[in-house]
Amino acid sequence: MIKILVYDYPEEEGEFEAANDGVKWMAAMHDLDNYLRSKIKYGDGGPQDYHEIRGELHSILDNYNLDF
């Protein structure tokens, strides 16, 4: 089966980019899930964890050339 998505450029450029980056988003979220699992298992659970987690999220997104 072949599926073709059609977008009107440039009006739907954002929608195209979101669809095109879907696999990268999946991989980035998998990396974040693994990081969070490690924090739960080995972290001390202090408030600084939230800042560290947010920083790691941005680092992962940068690695995949993604942004919000």
N, C-alpha and C. Protein backbone atom coordinates (compact mmCIF):
# COMPACT_ATOMS: atom_id res chain seq x y z
N MET A 1 0.85 -1.18 0.00
CA MET A 1 0.00 0.00 0.00
C MET A 1 0.89 1.24 0.00
N ILE A 2 0.56 2.17 -0.81
CA ILE A 2 1.27 3.44 -0.89
C ILE A 2 0.33 4.54 -0.43
N LYS A 3 0.84 5.40 0.45
CA LYS A 3 0.07 6.56 0.91
C LYS A 3 0.83 7.82 0.55
N ILE A 4 0.12 8.79 0.04
CA ILE A 4 0.73 10.05 -0.37
C ILE A 4 0.02 11.18 0.36
N LEU A 5 0.81 12.01 1.04
CA LEU A 5 0.27 13.20 1.69
C LEU A 5 0.55 14.40 0.81
N VAL A 6 -0.42 15.26 0.65
CA VAL A 6 -0.28 16.43 -0.22
C VAL A 6 -0.47 17.69 0.63
N TYR A 7 0.45 18.61 0.51
CA TYR A 7 0.39 19.88 1.23
C TYR A 7 0.49 21.03 0.25
N ASP A 8 -0.23 22.11 0.53
CA ASP A 8 -0.12 23.34 -0.26
C ASP A 8 1.00 24.17 0.34
N TYR A 9 2.09 24.30 -0.43
CA TYR A 9 3.22 25.09 0.02
C TYR A 9 3.04 26.51 -0.46
N PRO A 10 3.33 27.53 0.25
CA PRO A 10 3.91 27.57 1.58
C PRO A 10 2.86 27.64 2.70
N GLU A 11 1.59 27.67 2.35
CA GLU A 11 0.54 27.84 3.36
C GLU A 11 0.57 26.74 4.42
N GLU A 12 0.87 25.51 4.04
CA GLU A 12 0.85 24.39 4.97
C GLU A 12 2.25 23.87 5.30
N GLU A 13 3.21 24.76 5.24
CA GLU A 13 4.59 24.36 5.50
C GLU A 13 4.75 23.79 6.91
N GLY A 14 4.10 24.41 7.89
CA GLY A 14 4.19 23.92 9.27
C GLY A 14 3.65 22.51 9.42
N GLU A 15 2.54 22.22 8.79
CA GLU A 15 1.94 20.90 8.84
C GLU A 15 2.85 19.87 8.16
N PHE A 16 3.45 20.26 7.03
CA PHE A 16 4.38 19.38 6.34
C PHE A 16 5.58 19.05 7.21
N GLU A 17 6.17 20.08 7.82
CA GLU A 17 7.34 19.86 8.67
C GLU A 17 7.01 18.96 9.86
N ALA A 18 5.83 19.15 10.46
CA ALA A 18 5.43 18.30 11.59
C ALA A 18 5.30 16.84 11.15
N ALA A 19 4.70 16.60 10.00
CA ALA A 19 4.55 15.23 9.50
C ALA A 19 5.90 14.65 9.12
N ASN A 20 6.74 15.45 8.52
CA ASN A 20 8.06 15.00 8.08
C ASN A 20 8.98 14.66 9.24
N ASP A 21 8.82 15.34 10.38
CA ASP A 21 9.67 15.12 11.55
C ASP A 21 9.10 14.10 12.53
N GLY A 22 8.05 13.42 12.17
CA GLY A 22 7.39 12.48 13.09
C GLY A 22 8.31 11.41 13.65
N VAL A 23 9.15 10.83 12.83
CA VAL A 23 10.06 9.78 13.30
C VAL A 23 11.09 10.35 14.26
N LYS A 24 11.57 11.57 13.98
CA LYS A 24 12.53 12.20 14.89
C LYS A 24 11.88 12.49 16.24
N TRP A 25 10.61 12.94 16.23
CA TRP A 25 9.91 13.19 17.48
C TRP A 25 9.76 11.89 18.27
N MET A 26 9.44 10.80 17.59
CA MET A 26 9.29 9.52 18.27
C MET A 26 10.62 9.11 18.93
N ALA A 27 11.72 9.25 18.22
CA ALA A 27 13.03 8.89 18.76
C ALA A 27 13.41 9.79 19.93
N ALA A 28 13.12 11.08 19.81
CA ALA A 28 13.43 12.02 20.89
C ALA A 28 12.63 11.69 22.15
N MET A 29 11.37 11.36 22.00
CA MET A 29 10.55 11.02 23.16
C MET A 29 10.99 9.69 23.79
N HIS A 30 11.48 8.78 22.97
CA HIS A 30 12.03 7.53 23.49
C HIS A 30 13.27 7.82 24.33
N ASP A 31 14.14 8.70 23.85
CA ASP A 31 15.32 9.10 24.62
C ASP A 31 14.92 9.76 25.93
N LEU A 32 13.92 10.63 25.88
CA LEU A 32 13.46 11.29 27.10
C LEU A 32 12.87 10.28 28.07
N ASP A 33 12.10 9.32 27.57
CA ASP A 33 11.54 8.29 28.43
C ASP A 33 12.65 7.50 29.13
N ASN A 34 13.69 7.15 28.40
CA ASN A 34 14.82 6.43 29.02
C ASN A 34 15.51 7.28 30.08
N TYR A 35 15.67 8.57 29.80
CA TYR A 35 16.28 9.48 30.77
C TYR A 35 15.44 9.56 32.04
N LEU A 36 14.12 9.72 31.88
CA LEU A 36 13.23 9.81 33.04
C LEU A 36 13.23 8.51 33.84
N ARG A 37 13.27 7.39 33.15
CA ARG A 37 13.32 6.09 33.83
C ARG A 37 14.58 6.02 34.71
N SER A 38 15.70 6.48 34.17
CA SER A 38 16.94 6.49 34.93
C SER A 38 16.85 7.42 36.14
N LYS A 39 16.24 8.60 35.96
CA LYS A 39 16.08 9.54 37.08
C LYS A 39 15.21 8.94 38.18
N ILE A 40 14.15 8.24 37.79
CA ILE A 40 13.27 7.61 38.77
C ILE A 40 14.02 6.51 39.53
N LYS A 41 14.79 5.73 38.80
CA LYS A 41 15.47 4.60 39.40
C LYS A 41 16.66 5.01 40.26
N TYR A 42 17.43 6.03 39.83
CA TYR A 42 18.68 6.37 40.51
C TYR A 42 18.73 7.78 41.08
N GLY A 43 17.78 8.65 40.72
CA GLY A 43 17.81 10.04 41.17
C GLY A 43 17.44 10.20 42.63
N ASP A 44 17.82 11.34 43.22
CA ASP A 44 17.49 11.60 44.62
C ASP A 44 16.13 12.27 44.78
N GLY A 45 15.52 12.69 43.68
CA GLY A 45 14.17 13.23 43.73
C GLY A 45 14.05 14.65 44.22
N GLY A 46 15.14 15.41 44.26
CA GLY A 46 15.09 16.78 44.73
C GLY A 46 14.49 17.73 43.71
N PRO A 47 14.13 18.96 44.15
CA PRO A 47 13.52 19.94 43.25
C PRO A 47 14.40 20.31 42.05
N GLN A 48 15.71 20.20 42.21
CA GLN A 48 16.62 20.52 41.11
C GLN A 48 16.42 19.58 39.93
N ASP A 49 15.81 18.43 40.17
CA ASP A 49 15.57 17.47 39.09
C ASP A 49 14.74 18.08 37.97
N TYR A 50 13.78 18.93 38.31
CA TYR A 50 12.94 19.52 37.27
C TYR A 50 13.75 20.38 36.32
N HIS A 51 14.69 21.15 36.84
CA HIS A 51 15.55 21.97 35.99
C HIS A 51 16.46 21.08 35.14
N GLU A 52 16.97 20.03 35.75
CA GLU A 52 17.83 19.11 35.03
C GLU A 52 17.06 18.38 33.92
N ILE A 53 15.85 17.96 34.22
CA ILE A 53 15.02 17.27 33.24
C ILE A 53 14.67 18.19 32.08
N ARG A 54 14.34 19.43 32.39
CA ARG A 54 14.02 20.39 31.32
C ARG A 54 15.23 20.63 30.44
N GLY A 55 16.39 20.74 31.04
CA GLY A 55 17.62 20.90 30.27
C GLY A 55 17.90 19.69 29.39
N GLU A 56 17.66 18.50 29.93
CA GLU A 56 17.87 17.29 29.15
C GLU A 56 16.88 17.22 27.98
N LEU A 57 15.64 17.63 28.20
CA LEU A 57 14.65 17.66 27.12
C LEU A 57 15.15 18.54 25.98
N HIS A 58 15.62 19.73 26.30
CA HIS A 58 16.10 20.65 25.27
C HIS A 58 17.35 20.10 24.58
N SER A 59 18.20 19.41 25.32
CA SER A 59 19.38 18.79 24.74
C SER A 59 18.99 17.70 23.75
N ILE A 60 18.04 16.87 24.13
CA ILE A 60 17.56 15.80 23.24
C ILE A 60 16.95 16.39 21.98
N LEU A 61 16.12 17.42 22.13
CA LEU A 61 15.51 18.04 20.95
C LEU A 61 16.57 18.65 20.04
N ASP A 62 17.59 19.27 20.63
CA ASP A 62 18.69 19.82 19.83
C ASP A 62 19.41 18.71 19.06
N ASN A 63 19.60 17.55 19.69
CA ASN A 63 20.27 16.44 19.03
C ASN A 63 19.51 15.98 17.79
N TYR A 64 18.20 16.10 17.81
CA TYR A 64 17.38 15.69 16.67
C TYR A 64 16.99 16.88 15.77
N ASN A 65 17.54 18.05 16.07
CA ASN A 65 17.24 19.26 15.31
C ASN A 65 15.73 19.55 15.30
N LEU A 66 15.13 19.46 16.49
CA LEU A 66 13.69 19.72 16.66
C LEU A 66 13.50 20.89 17.59
N ASP A 67 12.36 21.58 17.45
CA ASP A 67 11.99 22.62 18.40
C ASP A 67 10.47 22.65 18.52
N PHE A 68 10.02 23.35 19.55
CA PHE A 68 8.57 23.42 19.81
C PHE A 68 7.92 24.40 18.87
